[in-house]
Amino acid sequence: MDAVNRYRQIVRKILAEHTEIPYAHGDIEFETVFDSESDHYLLIILGRENGRRVHGCLIHIDIISGKLWIQRDGTESGIANELVSSGVPKEHIVLGFRSPEIRKHTGFAAA
């Protein structure tokens, strides 16, 4: 199996595991969005908290040129750490939510 297919499986598994973690507040559900054709992977939260509608992206990962680009990470532990623990090399993970100037100091891929 090539690296990109392996990364797709890893990302889908990690995001699916996050749907099993109960949200701390309100009546919130999780949805995964997997677009393997365009390589976009999201974990969405939706529901109600304190009478207010909640809808947003908790995690967004794209696969671009063979690297995992973390576009949004709303987790406490850091999705990049989970990817590394699952066998993805740091040099194949880009913290897309960070500026290019900051990225080169993170220990992960700059781009």
N, C-alpha and C. Protein backbone atom coordinates (compact mmCIF):
# COMPACT_ATOMS: atom_id res chain seq x y z
N MET A 1 0.85 -1.18 0.00
CA MET A 1 0.00 0.00 0.00
C MET A 1 0.89 1.24 0.00
N ASP A 2 0.56 2.20 -0.86
CA ASP A 2 1.38 3.41 -0.90
C ASP A 2 1.06 4.31 0.30
N ALA A 3 1.92 5.30 0.51
CA ALA A 3 1.81 6.16 1.70
C ALA A 3 0.49 6.92 1.74
N VAL A 4 0.05 7.45 0.61
CA VAL A 4 -1.19 8.25 0.61
C VAL A 4 -2.39 7.38 1.01
N ASN A 5 -2.49 6.18 0.49
CA ASN A 5 -3.59 5.31 0.89
C ASN A 5 -3.51 4.96 2.38
N ARG A 6 -2.31 4.75 2.87
CA ARG A 6 -2.13 4.48 4.30
C ARG A 6 -2.54 5.70 5.13
N TYR A 7 -2.16 6.89 4.67
CA TYR A 7 -2.54 8.11 5.38
C TYR A 7 -4.06 8.29 5.39
N ARG A 8 -4.72 7.98 4.28
CA ARG A 8 -6.18 8.06 4.23
C ARG A 8 -6.80 7.17 5.31
N GLN A 9 -6.30 5.95 5.42
CA GLN A 9 -6.83 5.01 6.42
C GLN A 9 -6.58 5.52 7.83
N ILE A 10 -5.39 6.03 8.08
CA ILE A 10 -5.05 6.54 9.41
C ILE A 10 -5.96 7.70 9.78
N VAL A 11 -6.13 8.65 8.87
CA VAL A 11 -6.95 9.83 9.15
C VAL A 11 -8.40 9.43 9.41
N ARG A 12 -8.95 8.56 8.56
CA ARG A 12 -10.34 8.11 8.76
C ARG A 12 -10.49 7.42 10.12
N LYS A 13 -9.52 6.60 10.49
CA LYS A 13 -9.59 5.89 11.78
C LYS A 13 -9.55 6.86 12.95
N ILE A 14 -8.64 7.80 12.91
CA ILE A 14 -8.51 8.77 14.01
C ILE A 14 -9.78 9.62 14.13
N LEU A 15 -10.29 10.11 13.01
CA LEU A 15 -11.50 10.94 13.08
C LEU A 15 -12.69 10.13 13.57
N ALA A 16 -12.81 8.90 13.12
CA ALA A 16 -13.90 8.04 13.60
C ALA A 16 -13.79 7.80 15.10
N GLU A 17 -12.58 7.62 15.60
CA GLU A 17 -12.38 7.44 17.05
C GLU A 17 -12.82 8.67 17.83
N HIS A 18 -12.62 9.85 17.26
CA HIS A 18 -13.02 11.08 17.94
C HIS A 18 -14.54 11.19 18.08
N THR A 19 -15.30 10.52 17.20
CA THR A 19 -16.76 10.56 17.32
C THR A 19 -17.24 9.79 18.54
N GLU A 20 -16.39 8.94 19.10
CA GLU A 20 -16.75 8.13 20.27
C GLU A 20 -16.53 8.88 21.58
N ILE A 21 -15.84 10.00 21.54
CA ILE A 21 -15.55 10.79 22.75
C ILE A 21 -16.73 11.72 23.00
N PRO A 22 -17.40 11.61 24.14
CA PRO A 22 -18.55 12.48 24.40
C PRO A 22 -18.13 13.95 24.51
N TYR A 23 -18.92 14.82 23.94
CA TYR A 23 -18.67 16.25 24.02
C TYR A 23 -18.99 16.70 25.45
N ALA A 24 -18.18 17.59 25.99
CA ALA A 24 -18.27 17.96 27.40
C ALA A 24 -19.54 18.74 27.76
N HIS A 25 -20.08 19.52 26.84
CA HIS A 25 -21.21 20.39 27.17
C HIS A 25 -22.30 20.25 26.11
N GLY A 26 -23.53 20.43 26.53
CA GLY A 26 -24.65 20.50 25.60
C GLY A 26 -25.00 19.17 24.95
N ASP A 27 -25.91 19.25 24.02
CA ASP A 27 -26.36 18.10 23.25
C ASP A 27 -25.69 18.18 21.88
N ILE A 28 -24.45 17.75 21.83
CA ILE A 28 -23.62 17.90 20.63
C ILE A 28 -23.33 16.53 20.03
N GLU A 29 -23.46 16.45 18.72
CA GLU A 29 -23.12 15.23 17.98
C GLU A 29 -21.92 15.52 17.08
N PHE A 30 -21.31 14.44 16.61
CA PHE A 30 -20.19 14.54 15.69
C PHE A 30 -20.57 13.94 14.34
N GLU A 31 -20.03 14.50 13.29
CA GLU A 31 -20.16 13.93 11.95
C GLU A 31 -18.78 13.92 11.31
N THR A 32 -18.48 12.82 10.64
CA THR A 32 -17.25 12.78 9.85
C THR A 32 -17.61 13.04 8.40
N VAL A 33 -16.72 13.73 7.71
CA VAL A 33 -16.87 13.98 6.28
C VAL A 33 -15.58 13.52 5.63
N PHE A 34 -15.70 12.46 4.82
CA PHE A 34 -14.53 11.88 4.16
C PHE A 34 -14.69 12.03 2.65
N ASP A 35 -13.86 12.83 2.03
CA ASP A 35 -13.85 12.98 0.57
C ASP A 35 -12.52 12.43 0.08
N SER A 36 -12.48 11.12 -0.18
CA SER A 36 -11.24 10.46 -0.59
C SER A 36 -10.82 10.84 -2.00
N GLU A 37 -11.76 11.28 -2.81
CA GLU A 37 -11.42 11.68 -4.18
C GLU A 37 -10.61 12.98 -4.19
N SER A 38 -11.01 13.93 -3.34
CA SER A 38 -10.29 15.21 -3.26
C SER A 38 -9.37 15.28 -2.04
N ASP A 39 -9.40 14.24 -1.22
CA ASP A 39 -8.58 14.14 -0.02
C ASP A 39 -8.81 15.26 0.99
N HIS A 40 -10.09 15.43 1.35
CA HIS A 40 -10.50 16.34 2.41
C HIS A 40 -11.18 15.50 3.49
N TYR A 41 -10.79 15.70 4.75
CA TYR A 41 -11.30 14.91 5.85
C TYR A 41 -11.63 15.85 7.01
N LEU A 42 -12.89 15.78 7.48
CA LEU A 42 -13.34 16.70 8.51
C LEU A 42 -14.09 15.97 9.62
N LEU A 43 -14.01 16.55 10.81
CA LEU A 43 -14.85 16.15 11.93
C LEU A 43 -15.65 17.39 12.30
N ILE A 44 -16.97 17.27 12.16
CA ILE A 44 -17.89 18.39 12.38
C ILE A 44 -18.64 18.16 13.69
N ILE A 45 -18.88 19.25 14.42
CA ILE A 45 -19.74 19.18 15.60
C ILE A 45 -21.04 19.92 15.29
N LEU A 46 -22.15 19.37 15.80
CA LEU A 46 -23.43 20.05 15.61
C LEU A 46 -24.40 19.64 16.71
N GLY A 47 -25.29 20.57 17.02
CA GLY A 47 -26.28 20.32 18.06
C GLY A 47 -26.66 21.61 18.76
N ARG A 48 -26.94 21.49 20.05
CA ARG A 48 -27.35 22.65 20.84
C ARG A 48 -26.59 22.67 22.17
N GLU A 49 -26.21 23.88 22.55
CA GLU A 49 -25.56 24.10 23.83
C GLU A 49 -26.15 25.37 24.44
N ASN A 50 -26.71 25.25 25.65
CA ASN A 50 -27.35 26.38 26.33
C ASN A 50 -28.41 27.05 25.44
N GLY A 51 -29.16 26.24 24.69
CA GLY A 51 -30.21 26.76 23.84
C GLY A 51 -29.75 27.32 22.51
N ARG A 52 -28.44 27.38 22.31
CA ARG A 52 -27.88 27.93 21.06
C ARG A 52 -27.51 26.81 20.10
N ARG A 53 -27.69 27.05 18.84
CA ARG A 53 -27.27 26.13 17.79
C ARG A 53 -25.75 26.14 17.70
N VAL A 54 -25.16 24.95 17.66
CA VAL A 54 -23.71 24.80 17.52
C VAL A 54 -23.44 24.03 16.24
N HIS A 55 -22.59 24.56 15.41
CA HIS A 55 -22.20 23.88 14.17
C HIS A 55 -20.83 24.39 13.78
N GLY A 56 -19.88 23.48 13.63
CA GLY A 56 -18.55 23.93 13.26
C GLY A 56 -17.61 22.77 13.00
N CYS A 57 -16.45 23.13 12.55
CA CYS A 57 -15.42 22.16 12.20
C CYS A 57 -14.46 22.02 13.39
N LEU A 58 -14.31 20.81 13.89
CA LEU A 58 -13.38 20.54 14.99
C LEU A 58 -12.01 20.17 14.43
N ILE A 59 -11.99 19.31 13.39
CA ILE A 59 -10.74 18.88 12.76
C ILE A 59 -10.92 18.92 11.25
N HIS A 60 -9.92 19.45 10.55
CA HIS A 60 -9.91 19.46 9.09
C HIS A 60 -8.50 19.10 8.63
N ILE A 61 -8.41 18.00 7.89
CA ILE A 61 -7.12 17.54 7.35
C ILE A 61 -7.27 17.33 5.85
N ASP A 62 -6.33 17.84 5.09
CA ASP A 62 -6.25 17.61 3.65
C ASP A 62 -4.97 16.84 3.36
N ILE A 63 -5.00 16.02 2.33
CA ILE A 63 -3.78 15.40 1.83
C ILE A 63 -3.41 16.15 0.56
N ILE A 64 -2.26 16.82 0.60
CA ILE A 64 -1.78 17.64 -0.51
C ILE A 64 -0.35 17.22 -0.82
N SER A 65 -0.13 16.80 -2.06
CA SER A 65 1.21 16.39 -2.50
C SER A 65 1.85 15.37 -1.56
N GLY A 66 1.04 14.42 -1.08
CA GLY A 66 1.56 13.35 -0.25
C GLY A 66 1.78 13.70 1.21
N LYS A 67 1.40 14.91 1.61
CA LYS A 67 1.56 15.33 3.01
C LYS A 67 0.20 15.60 3.62
N LEU A 68 0.11 15.39 4.93
CA LEU A 68 -1.11 15.67 5.67
C LEU A 68 -1.07 17.11 6.15
N TRP A 69 -1.98 17.91 5.63
CA TRP A 69 -2.10 19.32 6.00
C TRP A 69 -3.20 19.45 7.04
N ILE A 70 -2.85 19.81 8.25
CA ILE A 70 -3.84 20.04 9.30
C ILE A 70 -4.30 21.49 9.16
N GLN A 71 -5.52 21.66 8.66
CA GLN A 71 -6.06 22.99 8.42
C GLN A 71 -6.76 23.56 9.65
N ARG A 72 -7.29 22.66 10.49
CA ARG A 72 -7.97 23.07 11.72
C ARG A 72 -7.78 21.97 12.74
N ASP A 73 -7.43 22.35 13.95
CA ASP A 73 -7.29 21.39 15.04
C ASP A 73 -7.89 21.99 16.30
N GLY A 74 -9.09 21.54 16.64
CA GLY A 74 -9.77 22.02 17.83
C GLY A 74 -9.69 21.04 18.98
N THR A 75 -8.71 20.13 18.94
CA THR A 75 -8.58 19.14 20.01
C THR A 75 -7.63 19.65 21.09
N GLU A 76 -7.73 19.06 22.26
CA GLU A 76 -6.84 19.44 23.36
C GLU A 76 -5.45 18.82 23.20
N SER A 77 -5.41 17.57 22.75
CA SER A 77 -4.13 16.86 22.69
C SER A 77 -3.34 17.15 21.42
N GLY A 78 -3.99 17.61 20.38
CA GLY A 78 -3.30 17.90 19.13
C GLY A 78 -3.36 16.72 18.17
N ILE A 79 -4.03 16.91 17.06
CA ILE A 79 -4.20 15.84 16.08
C ILE A 79 -2.86 15.44 15.48
N ALA A 80 -1.91 16.35 15.39
CA ALA A 80 -0.58 16.03 14.85
C ALA A 80 0.09 14.95 15.71
N ASN A 81 -0.06 15.05 17.02
CA ASN A 81 0.52 14.04 17.91
C ASN A 81 -0.11 12.67 17.67
N GLU A 82 -1.41 12.65 17.42
CA GLU A 82 -2.09 11.38 17.14
C GLU A 82 -1.60 10.78 15.82
N LEU A 83 -1.37 11.64 14.83
CA LEU A 83 -0.87 11.16 13.54
C LEU A 83 0.53 10.55 13.71
N VAL A 84 1.38 11.22 14.45
CA VAL A 84 2.73 10.71 14.70
C VAL A 84 2.66 9.38 15.43
N SER A 85 1.80 9.28 16.44
CA SER A 85 1.64 8.02 17.19
C SER A 85 1.13 6.89 16.31
N SER A 86 0.45 7.25 15.22
CA SER A 86 -0.08 6.25 14.28
C SER A 86 0.90 5.90 13.17
N GLY A 87 2.10 6.48 13.24
CA GLY A 87 3.13 6.10 12.28
C GLY A 87 3.40 7.09 11.16
N VAL A 88 2.79 8.26 11.19
CA VAL A 88 3.05 9.26 10.16
C VAL A 88 4.30 10.04 10.56
N PRO A 89 5.31 10.09 9.68
CA PRO A 89 6.52 10.87 10.01
C PRO A 89 6.20 12.37 10.13
N LYS A 90 6.86 13.03 11.06
CA LYS A 90 6.65 14.46 11.27
C LYS A 90 6.88 15.26 9.99
N GLU A 91 7.81 14.82 9.16
CA GLU A 91 8.11 15.56 7.94
C GLU A 91 7.02 15.42 6.87
N HIS A 92 5.98 14.61 7.17
CA HIS A 92 4.84 14.47 6.27
C HIS A 92 3.58 15.13 6.84
N ILE A 93 3.76 15.91 7.90
CA ILE A 93 2.64 16.61 8.54
C ILE A 93 2.93 18.11 8.49
N VAL A 94 1.98 18.86 7.92
CA VAL A 94 2.10 20.31 7.83
C VAL A 94 1.02 20.93 8.73
N LEU A 95 1.44 21.82 9.60
CA LEU A 95 0.48 22.53 10.46
C LEU A 95 -0.03 23.73 9.67
N GLY A 96 -0.99 23.47 8.80
CA GLY A 96 -1.51 24.50 7.89
C GLY A 96 -2.15 25.67 8.60
N PHE A 97 -2.61 25.48 9.83
CA PHE A 97 -3.23 26.56 10.60
C PHE A 97 -2.19 27.52 11.16
N ARG A 98 -0.92 27.19 11.03
CA ARG A 98 0.17 28.07 11.46
C ARG A 98 0.72 28.84 10.25
N SER A 99 1.26 30.00 10.48
CA SER A 99 1.85 30.77 9.39
C SER A 99 3.11 30.07 8.89
N PRO A 100 3.48 30.27 7.62
CA PRO A 100 4.70 29.65 7.10
C PRO A 100 5.94 30.00 7.93
N GLU A 101 5.97 31.19 8.48
CA GLU A 101 7.12 31.60 9.30
C GLU A 101 7.22 30.77 10.58
N ILE A 102 6.09 30.51 11.20
CA ILE A 102 6.06 29.72 12.44
C ILE A 102 6.31 28.24 12.15
N ARG A 103 5.75 27.73 11.04
CA ARG A 103 5.84 26.31 10.71
C ARG A 103 7.28 25.78 10.71
N LYS A 104 8.22 26.58 10.25
CA LYS A 104 9.60 26.08 10.15
C LYS A 104 10.26 25.86 11.50
N HIS A 105 9.60 26.29 12.57
CA HIS A 105 10.14 26.10 13.93
C HIS A 105 9.38 25.05 14.74
N THR A 106 8.45 24.33 14.11
CA THR A 106 7.56 23.43 14.85
C THR A 106 8.07 22.00 14.97
N GLY A 107 9.03 21.61 14.14
CA GLY A 107 9.47 20.22 14.11
C GLY A 107 8.68 19.40 13.12
N PHE A 108 7.65 20.00 12.52
CA PHE A 108 6.87 19.36 11.47
C PHE A 108 7.26 19.96 10.14
N ALA A 109 6.69 19.44 9.05
CA ALA A 109 7.02 19.94 7.71
C ALA A 109 6.63 21.41 7.58
N ALA A 110 7.45 22.18 6.87
CA ALA A 110 7.14 23.59 6.65
C ALA A 110 6.08 23.75 5.56
N ALA A 111 6.10 22.85 4.58
CA ALA A 111 5.09 22.85 3.49
C ALA A 111 5.30 21.62 2.64
